[in-house]
Protein backbone atom coordinates (compact mmCIF):
# COMPACT_ATOMS: atom_id res chain seq x y z
CA MET A 1 -22.91 -19.94 23.24
CA ILE A 2 -21.98 -17.32 20.62
CA PRO A 3 -19.68 -18.72 17.88
CA ASN A 4 -16.15 -17.29 17.88
CA PHE A 5 -16.58 -15.77 14.42
CA HIS A 6 -19.69 -13.88 15.51
CA ILE A 7 -17.85 -12.55 18.55
CA LYS A 8 -15.18 -11.18 16.22
CA VAL A 9 -17.84 -9.57 14.02
CA ILE A 10 -19.55 -7.93 17.00
CA SER A 11 -16.22 -6.68 18.36
CA LEU A 12 -15.25 -5.19 15.01
CA ILE A 13 -18.59 -3.42 14.60
CA LEU A 14 -18.37 -2.01 18.14
CA LEU A 15 -14.84 -0.83 17.37
CA MET A 16 -16.09 1.01 14.29
CA LEU A 17 -19.02 2.55 16.18
CA SER A 18 -16.76 3.72 18.98
CA ALA A 19 -14.16 5.23 16.65
CA PRO A 20 -13.76 8.98 17.12
CA LEU A 21 -15.15 11.39 14.56
CA ALA A 22 -12.61 12.69 12.05
CA THR A 23 -11.80 15.84 14.02
CA GLY A 24 -8.06 15.31 14.14
CA ALA A 25 -5.67 12.70 15.44
CA ASP A 26 -6.14 11.54 19.02
CA ILE A 27 -2.59 12.12 20.28
CA SER A 28 -1.02 13.84 23.28
CA ALA A 29 0.43 17.32 23.20
CA GLU A 30 3.92 15.81 23.53
CA HIS A 31 3.39 13.58 20.49
CA LYS A 32 1.93 16.48 18.51
CA ARG A 33 5.13 18.38 19.25
CA LYS A 34 7.30 15.43 18.21
CA ALA A 35 5.25 14.91 15.05
CA GLU A 36 5.56 18.58 14.05
CA LEU A 37 9.31 18.53 14.63
CA THR A 38 9.85 15.25 12.75
CA ILE A 39 7.68 16.38 9.85
CA HIS A 40 9.43 19.76 9.68
CA ARG A 41 12.84 18.13 9.61
CA ALA A 42 11.74 15.63 6.96
CA VAL A 43 10.40 18.41 4.73
CA GLU A 44 13.58 20.44 5.16
CA TYR A 45 15.69 17.39 4.34
CA LEU A 46 13.68 16.54 1.22
CA THR A 47 14.04 20.16 0.12
CA THR A 48 17.81 19.68 0.08
CA ARG A 49 17.51 16.44 -1.88
CA GLN A 50 15.83 17.82 -4.99
CA HIS A 51 17.89 17.29 -8.12
CA PRO A 52 19.36 20.73 -8.94
CA ASN A 53 18.49 20.47 -12.63
CA THR A 54 15.37 18.32 -12.97
CA ARG A 55 13.82 19.39 -9.62
CA GLY A 56 12.63 15.84 -9.11
CA TRP A 57 13.62 13.63 -6.19
CA ASP A 58 16.23 10.91 -6.43
CA ASP A 59 16.47 11.57 -10.12
CA ASP A 60 19.58 10.51 -12.03
CA PRO A 61 18.95 10.70 -15.79
CA ASP A 62 22.18 8.80 -16.44
CA THR A 63 21.15 5.71 -14.45
CA MET A 64 17.56 5.09 -13.36
CA VAL A 65 14.57 7.41 -13.37
CA ILE A 66 11.63 6.46 -11.13
CA PRO A 67 8.99 9.23 -11.13
CA ALA A 68 7.08 7.34 -8.40
CA ILE A 69 9.63 8.48 -5.81
CA THR A 70 8.83 12.10 -6.63
CA GLY A 71 5.14 11.12 -6.53
CA LEU A 72 5.55 9.78 -2.98
CA VAL A 73 7.37 12.93 -1.89
CA VAL A 74 4.62 15.13 -3.35
CA GLN A 75 1.97 13.05 -1.55
CA GLY A 76 3.78 13.42 1.76
CA LEU A 77 4.12 17.15 1.30
CA MET A 78 0.53 17.69 0.19
CA LEU A 79 -0.80 15.88 3.27
CA ASP A 80 0.64 18.73 5.34
CA PRO A 81 -2.01 21.33 6.30
CA GLY A 82 0.51 24.11 5.64
CA ILE A 83 1.36 23.08 2.08
CA ASP A 84 -0.77 23.36 -1.06
CA GLU A 85 -0.33 23.38 -4.82
CA THR A 86 1.09 26.92 -4.75
CA HIS A 87 4.12 25.82 -2.72
CA PRO A 88 7.35 25.90 -4.79
CA LEU A 89 8.15 22.26 -3.96
CA ILE A 90 4.74 21.14 -5.24
CA ILE A 91 4.97 23.26 -8.38
CA GLN A 92 8.39 21.82 -9.17
CA GLY A 93 7.43 18.26 -8.27
CA THR A 94 4.28 18.42 -10.39
CA ARG A 95 6.21 19.74 -13.39
CA TYR A 96 8.68 16.91 -12.99
CA ILE A 97 5.93 14.25 -12.94
CA LEU A 98 4.16 15.77 -15.96
CA LYS A 99 7.42 15.59 -17.90
CA TYR A 100 7.07 11.79 -17.92
CA VAL A 101 3.46 11.60 -19.14
CA ASN A 102 3.34 9.42 -22.26
CA ASP A 103 0.87 9.40 -25.15
CA ASP A 104 -0.99 6.38 -23.74
CA GLY A 105 -1.54 8.15 -20.41
CA SER A 106 1.15 6.22 -18.54
CA ILE A 107 3.69 8.08 -16.42
CA HIS A 108 7.14 6.49 -16.47
CA ALA A 109 10.58 6.68 -18.06
CA GLY A 110 10.59 3.28 -19.74
CA MET A 111 10.17 0.98 -16.74
CA LEU A 112 7.64 -0.02 -14.05
CA PRO A 113 4.61 1.50 -15.80
CA SER A 114 2.03 0.35 -13.25
CA TYR A 115 4.01 1.28 -10.14
CA ASN A 116 5.04 4.68 -11.48
CA THR A 117 1.70 5.63 -12.97
CA SER A 118 -0.38 4.58 -9.97
CA ILE A 119 1.73 6.51 -7.48
CA CYS A 120 2.05 9.56 -9.70
CA ILE A 121 -1.68 9.92 -10.37
CA SER A 122 -2.32 9.63 -6.63
CA ALA A 123 0.00 12.61 -6.26
CA LEU A 124 -1.61 14.53 -9.14
CA SER A 125 -5.06 13.99 -7.59
CA MET A 126 -3.96 16.28 -4.76
CA VAL A 127 -2.84 19.08 -7.08
CA HIS A 128 -5.80 21.16 -8.18
CA LYS A 129 -4.58 22.39 -11.54
CA PRO A 130 -6.00 21.65 -15.03
CA GLN A 131 -2.87 20.02 -16.46
CA ALA A 132 -2.51 17.80 -13.41
CA LEU A 133 -6.18 16.81 -13.62
CA ASP A 134 -5.90 15.93 -17.31
CA ALA A 135 -2.82 13.77 -16.69
CA MET A 136 -4.51 12.15 -13.70
CA LEU A 137 -7.56 11.12 -15.71
CA ALA A 138 -5.43 9.79 -18.58
CA GLY A 139 -3.31 7.84 -16.10
CA GLN A 140 -6.42 6.48 -14.41
CA LYS A 141 -7.61 5.13 -17.76
CA PHE A 142 -4.18 3.66 -18.50
CA ILE A 143 -3.73 1.68 -15.27
CA LYS A 144 -7.09 -0.02 -15.81
CA THR A 145 -5.65 -1.56 -18.98
CA LEU A 146 -2.95 -3.26 -16.90
CA GLN A 147 -5.37 -5.21 -14.71
CA TYR A 148 -5.64 -8.85 -15.71
CA SER A 149 -9.12 -9.87 -16.89
CA SER A 150 -10.93 -11.33 -19.88
CA SER A 151 -10.86 -7.81 -21.34
CA ASN A 152 -7.09 -7.52 -20.90
CA PRO A 153 -5.62 -10.92 -21.82
CA ASN A 154 -2.49 -9.46 -23.36
CA ASN A 155 -1.05 -6.88 -21.00
CA PRO A 156 1.76 -5.33 -23.11
CA ASN A 157 4.04 -5.23 -20.08
CA ASP A 158 3.65 -8.89 -19.10
CA PRO A 159 3.85 -12.13 -21.10
CA GLY A 160 0.71 -12.61 -23.16
CA PHE A 161 -1.63 -15.58 -23.08
CA GLU A 162 -3.37 -17.32 -25.94
CA SER A 163 -6.53 -17.72 -23.86
CA PRO A 164 -8.40 -14.95 -22.02
CA ILE A 165 -7.63 -14.41 -18.34
CA THR A 166 -10.90 -15.68 -16.90
CA ILE A 167 -11.98 -15.43 -13.28
CA ASP A 168 -10.59 -18.94 -12.71
CA HIS A 169 -7.06 -17.84 -13.58
CA PRO A 170 -4.78 -16.94 -10.62
CA TYR A 171 -3.85 -13.66 -12.34
CA PHE A 172 -7.44 -12.42 -12.57
CA GLY A 173 -7.95 -8.97 -11.05
CA GLY A 174 -4.28 -8.50 -10.26
CA VAL A 175 -1.70 -5.95 -11.39
CA GLY A 176 2.06 -6.47 -11.59
CA TYR A 177 5.31 -4.67 -12.29
CA GLY A 178 5.52 -6.10 -15.78
CA GLU A 179 8.84 -7.91 -15.98
CA HIS A 180 8.08 -10.62 -13.40
CA GLY A 181 5.32 -12.20 -15.43
CA ARG A 182 2.70 -12.20 -12.67
CA PRO A 183 0.66 -9.78 -10.56
CA ASP A 184 1.27 -9.08 -6.88
CA LEU A 185 -0.48 -7.44 -3.93
CA SER A 186 1.98 -4.56 -3.59
CA ASN A 187 1.28 -3.30 -7.10
CA LEU A 188 -2.43 -3.98 -6.70
CA SER A 189 -2.39 -1.97 -3.48
CA PHE A 190 -0.89 1.06 -5.24
CA PHE A 191 -3.41 0.51 -8.05
CA ILE A 192 -6.34 0.54 -5.60
CA GLN A 193 -4.82 3.53 -3.78
CA ALA A 194 -4.82 5.33 -7.13
CA LEU A 195 -8.44 4.35 -7.88
CA HIS A 196 -9.44 5.65 -4.44
CA ASP A 197 -7.42 8.86 -4.66
CA THR A 198 -8.63 9.72 -8.16
CA GLY A 199 -12.31 9.22 -7.31
CA VAL A 200 -13.18 5.94 -9.04
CA SER A 201 -16.47 4.50 -7.76
CA THR A 202 -16.18 1.30 -5.73
CA ASN A 203 -18.85 -0.08 -8.07
CA ASP A 204 -16.37 0.14 -10.93
CA VAL A 205 -15.45 -3.21 -12.46
CA ALA A 206 -11.77 -2.54 -11.65
CA TYR A 207 -12.57 -2.68 -7.93
CA GLN A 208 -14.70 -5.79 -8.33
CA ARG A 209 -11.96 -7.61 -10.21
CA ALA A 210 -9.39 -6.52 -7.64
CA LEU A 211 -11.47 -8.04 -4.86
CA VAL A 212 -11.15 -11.45 -6.52
CA PHE A 213 -7.35 -11.23 -6.43
CA LEU A 214 -7.42 -9.85 -2.87
CA SER A 215 -9.37 -12.86 -1.64
CA ARG A 216 -6.81 -15.16 -3.22
CA VAL A 217 -3.89 -13.61 -1.37
CA GLN A 218 -5.66 -13.58 2.00
CA MET A 219 -4.63 -16.52 4.16
CA ALA A 220 -8.09 -17.41 5.42
CA ASP A 221 -9.75 -20.61 4.26
CA GLU A 222 -13.24 -19.15 4.58
CA VAL A 223 -12.58 -16.48 1.92
CA ASN A 224 -9.78 -18.01 -0.19
CA GLU A 225 -10.54 -21.01 -2.39
CA MET A 226 -6.90 -21.55 -3.40
CA PRO A 227 -5.32 -24.83 -2.20
CA TYR A 228 -2.46 -23.03 -0.43
CA ALA A 229 -5.01 -21.47 1.96
CA ASP A 230 -6.74 -24.73 2.89
CA GLY A 231 -7.20 -24.84 6.66
CA SER A 232 -5.47 -21.50 7.21
CA SER A 233 -6.97 -19.09 9.73
CA GLN A 234 -4.25 -16.42 9.79
CA GLY A 235 -6.41 -13.73 8.15
CA GLY A 236 -3.46 -11.70 6.90
CA PHE A 237 -2.14 -11.41 3.36
CA ILE A 238 0.68 -12.85 1.24
CA TYR A 239 2.39 -11.39 -1.82
CA ALA A 240 1.09 -13.26 -4.86
CA THR A 241 -1.03 -16.14 -6.11
CA VAL A 242 1.92 -17.69 -7.97
CA PRO A 243 5.69 -17.22 -7.58
CA ASP A 244 6.39 -16.89 -11.32
CA LEU A 245 5.00 -17.40 -14.80
CA GLU A 246 6.15 -21.01 -14.97
CA SER A 247 4.14 -22.00 -11.88
CA VAL A 248 0.73 -20.77 -13.04
CA ASP A 249 -0.67 -24.28 -13.38
CA GLY A 250 0.61 -25.31 -9.95
CA ILE A 251 -0.94 -22.29 -8.17
CA ALA A 252 1.52 -22.44 -5.30
CA GLY A 253 1.15 -18.88 -4.00
CA GLN A 254 4.05 -16.75 -2.80
CA SER A 255 4.96 -15.11 0.49
CA GLN A 256 8.10 -13.07 1.03
CA ALA A 257 7.97 -14.33 4.64
CA GLY A 258 8.14 -18.03 3.81
CA ASP A 259 6.02 -20.59 5.66
CA ILE A 260 4.45 -20.94 9.09
CA VAL A 261 3.04 -23.94 10.94
CA GLU A 262 -0.61 -23.48 11.91
CA THR A 263 -2.52 -25.61 14.40
CA THR A 264 -6.16 -26.26 13.55
CA GLU A 265 -9.00 -26.45 16.09
CA GLU A 266 -8.72 -30.23 15.79
CA GLY A 267 -5.05 -30.08 16.78
CA ASP A 268 -3.64 -30.86 13.35
CA GLU A 269 -0.49 -29.03 12.21
CA LEU A 270 -0.45 -27.49 8.73
CA THR A 271 2.45 -25.79 6.97
CA ARG A 272 1.11 -22.77 5.11
CA LEU A 273 2.43 -19.60 3.49
CA ARG A 274 2.99 -16.95 6.14
CA ALA A 275 0.95 -13.75 6.06
CA TYR A 276 3.17 -10.79 6.89
CA GLY A 277 3.01 -7.19 8.01
CA SER A 278 3.30 -4.89 5.01
CA MET A 279 1.11 -7.02 2.75
CA SER A 280 -1.50 -7.58 5.47
CA TYR A 281 -1.94 -3.85 5.95
CA ALA A 282 -1.89 -3.35 2.17
CA GLY A 283 -4.67 -5.92 1.82
CA PHE A 284 -6.67 -4.49 4.73
CA LYS A 285 -6.34 -0.94 3.37
CA SER A 286 -7.53 -2.13 -0.03
CA LEU A 287 -10.64 -3.71 1.54
CA VAL A 288 -11.36 -0.46 3.40
CA TYR A 289 -11.02 1.56 0.20
CA ALA A 290 -13.30 -0.92 -1.57
CA ASN A 291 -15.93 -0.09 1.07
CA ILE A 292 -16.26 -3.66 2.34
CA ASP A 293 -18.59 -3.93 5.34
CA PRO A 294 -16.84 -4.39 8.71
CA ASP A 295 -18.83 -7.57 9.34
CA ASP A 296 -17.67 -9.15 6.08
CA PRO A 297 -15.52 -12.27 6.72
CA ARG A 298 -12.64 -10.70 4.77
CA MET A 299 -12.58 -7.66 7.04
CA VAL A 300 -13.06 -9.66 10.21
CA SER A 301 -10.24 -12.07 9.32
CA ALA A 302 -7.88 -9.25 8.34
CA TRP A 303 -8.60 -7.32 11.54
CA ASN A 304 -8.03 -10.48 13.55
CA TRP A 305 -4.55 -10.73 12.03
CA ILE A 306 -3.86 -7.07 12.86
CA GLU A 307 -4.88 -7.53 16.48
CA ASN A 308 -2.80 -10.70 16.82
CA ASN A 309 0.30 -9.24 15.17
CA TYR A 310 0.33 -5.56 16.09
CA THR A 311 3.89 -4.33 16.59
CA LEU A 312 6.25 -1.52 15.65
CA ASP A 313 9.34 -3.52 16.53
CA GLU A 314 9.50 -5.06 13.05
CA ASN A 315 7.65 -5.69 9.83
CA PRO A 316 6.01 -8.90 11.13
CA GLY A 317 7.45 -11.90 9.35
CA LEU A 318 10.29 -9.95 7.74
CA ASP A 319 12.23 -8.45 10.65
CA MET A 320 13.34 -4.97 9.43
CA GLN A 321 13.00 -5.64 5.69
CA GLY A 322 10.60 -3.16 4.11
CA TYR A 323 10.08 -1.48 7.48
CA TYR A 324 9.38 2.06 6.24
CA TYR A 325 6.98 0.73 3.60
CA TYR A 326 5.31 -1.16 6.44
CA LEU A 327 4.88 1.98 8.59
CA CYS A 328 3.58 3.95 5.62
CA THR A 329 1.04 1.27 4.71
CA MET A 330 0.00 0.68 8.32
CA SER A 331 -0.59 4.38 8.95
CA ARG A 332 -2.62 4.80 5.78
CA ALA A 333 -4.71 1.69 6.52
CA LEU A 334 -5.52 2.45 10.15
CA ASP A 335 -6.22 6.12 9.46
CA ALA A 336 -8.61 5.15 6.66
CA PHE A 337 -10.32 2.65 8.97
CA GLY A 338 -10.79 5.36 11.57
CA VAL A 339 -9.41 3.83 14.76
CA ASP A 340 -6.82 5.19 17.16
CA GLU A 341 -6.12 2.14 19.33
CA ILE A 342 -5.29 -1.52 18.85
CA ASN A 343 -5.12 -3.74 21.92
CA GLY A 344 -4.76 -0.64 24.08
CA HIS A 345 -1.93 0.76 21.93
CA ASN A 346 -2.31 4.23 20.44
CA TRP A 347 -0.82 3.41 17.05
CA ARG A 348 -0.63 7.09 16.10
CA GLU A 349 1.56 7.99 19.05
CA GLU A 350 3.69 4.88 18.64
CA ILE A 351 4.41 5.53 14.95
CA ILE A 352 5.29 9.14 15.74
CA GLU A 353 7.58 8.02 18.57
CA LYS A 354 9.26 5.40 16.40
CA LEU A 355 9.96 7.78 13.51
CA TYR A 356 11.08 10.50 15.91
CA GLU A 357 13.67 8.03 17.24
CA LEU A 358 14.77 6.91 13.76
CA GLN A 359 15.31 10.42 12.39
CA TYR A 360 18.69 12.12 12.30
CA VAL A 361 18.99 15.80 13.22
CA ASN A 362 19.33 16.71 9.52
CA GLY A 363 15.90 15.18 8.81
CA ALA A 364 17.05 11.96 7.13
CA PHE A 365 16.05 8.56 8.51
CA LYS A 366 18.22 5.66 9.59
CA VAL A 367 18.61 2.88 7.03
CA LEU A 368 17.50 -0.37 8.68
CA ASN A 369 17.66 -2.88 5.83
CA PRO A 370 18.57 -2.31 2.16
CA ARG A 371 15.98 -4.66 0.66
CA TRP A 372 13.36 -3.12 -1.67
CA MET A 373 15.40 0.05 -2.07
CA GLU A 374 15.15 1.01 1.60
CA ASN A 375 18.79 2.08 1.52
CA ASN A 376 17.51 4.97 -0.60
CA ASP A 377 17.29 7.86 1.86
CA VAL A 378 14.81 9.84 -0.24
CA LEU A 379 12.43 6.89 -0.57
CA ILE A 380 12.40 6.08 3.13
CA ALA A 381 12.01 9.77 4.00
CA ALA A 382 8.95 9.88 1.72
CA TYR A 383 7.47 6.76 3.33
CA ALA A 384 8.16 8.19 6.79
CA LEU A 385 6.61 11.55 5.92
CA ILE A 386 3.40 9.93 4.64
CA ALA A 387 3.21 7.74 7.76
CA LEU A 388 3.70 10.76 10.01
CA GLN A 389 1.09 12.85 8.21
CA HIS A 390 -1.57 10.15 8.56
CA ALA A 391 -0.66 9.53 12.20
CA ALA A 392 -0.60 13.18 13.20
CA HIS A 393 -3.45 14.83 11.28
């Protein structure tokens, strides 16, 4: 009898071998039409939402400036085959991003240095101009200084520590916003996206450190040595290794989706942190970008979660909270992995159909839940555009 784990490995390898060559998305003519229409409307809508003076997106100098939103818009636009760096929107968006480049290489306006810099250098990596390249490389160097390790014990944007952050510390390999006092998978995902987009080798120490943190937020006992993963076989990912600075010694872990009761093979019931949709795709995408073999237990466990929880009806575990972020991350992850179907579902067509239904005639998208700024129509339009581009092309 073949052990269950080996069956999963064989199935995942066969899935990879049977994946179509990268010759374009495997979608019907009807869904190609819907994708083109939805993308066109989104681009037209975002064109109307540029700030008339700064030419950035969702920019209000009198309240809060987040260059990352412009970075996400530029990424969505540049994924379109008909748009390149000579397009007026890209020229203006690039100039806006470059305006916030600081002497240390960071790109921000006084807040969220990791989030803003990571997303902005991913955008700049798509713009083939000398000034953009210079800023991208400087930003790449900067974000590496924000990753917790023995070399970076005193991240200037997080509380410092008297002792080095060794591999035994729950922060090791992670990246955070700064003000929360601990790293999280969302920021690490944008960090790894930036490493990937800007051409950093997967042999780089930044990737290797990140893999340590990734294992510690994956709810799978076989790959996660943290006590909160004991006995867990979910395979998906949670948000952080600790909820806050004060709980470092307790190492309790944190999931935005709360807890779930798991039943072991022996019939025992365990209450464990619940892996959820957006973070599980963020973790899976990060493993793909890190070039982890498909037969690695981390990949097999993550794919098992995806197969067991595939849906576009919600962000699994969170209802409609963070839904557009979820679609964006899912589309990026599955496109990078190179598959078109999950459990007989053509995820490309289903994402296109869902966003087609959620879009208003003017190109904006319906607000589903305000959490994590998803009542910001520019932000959700950028997420939707990126998701559509990966699904359709």
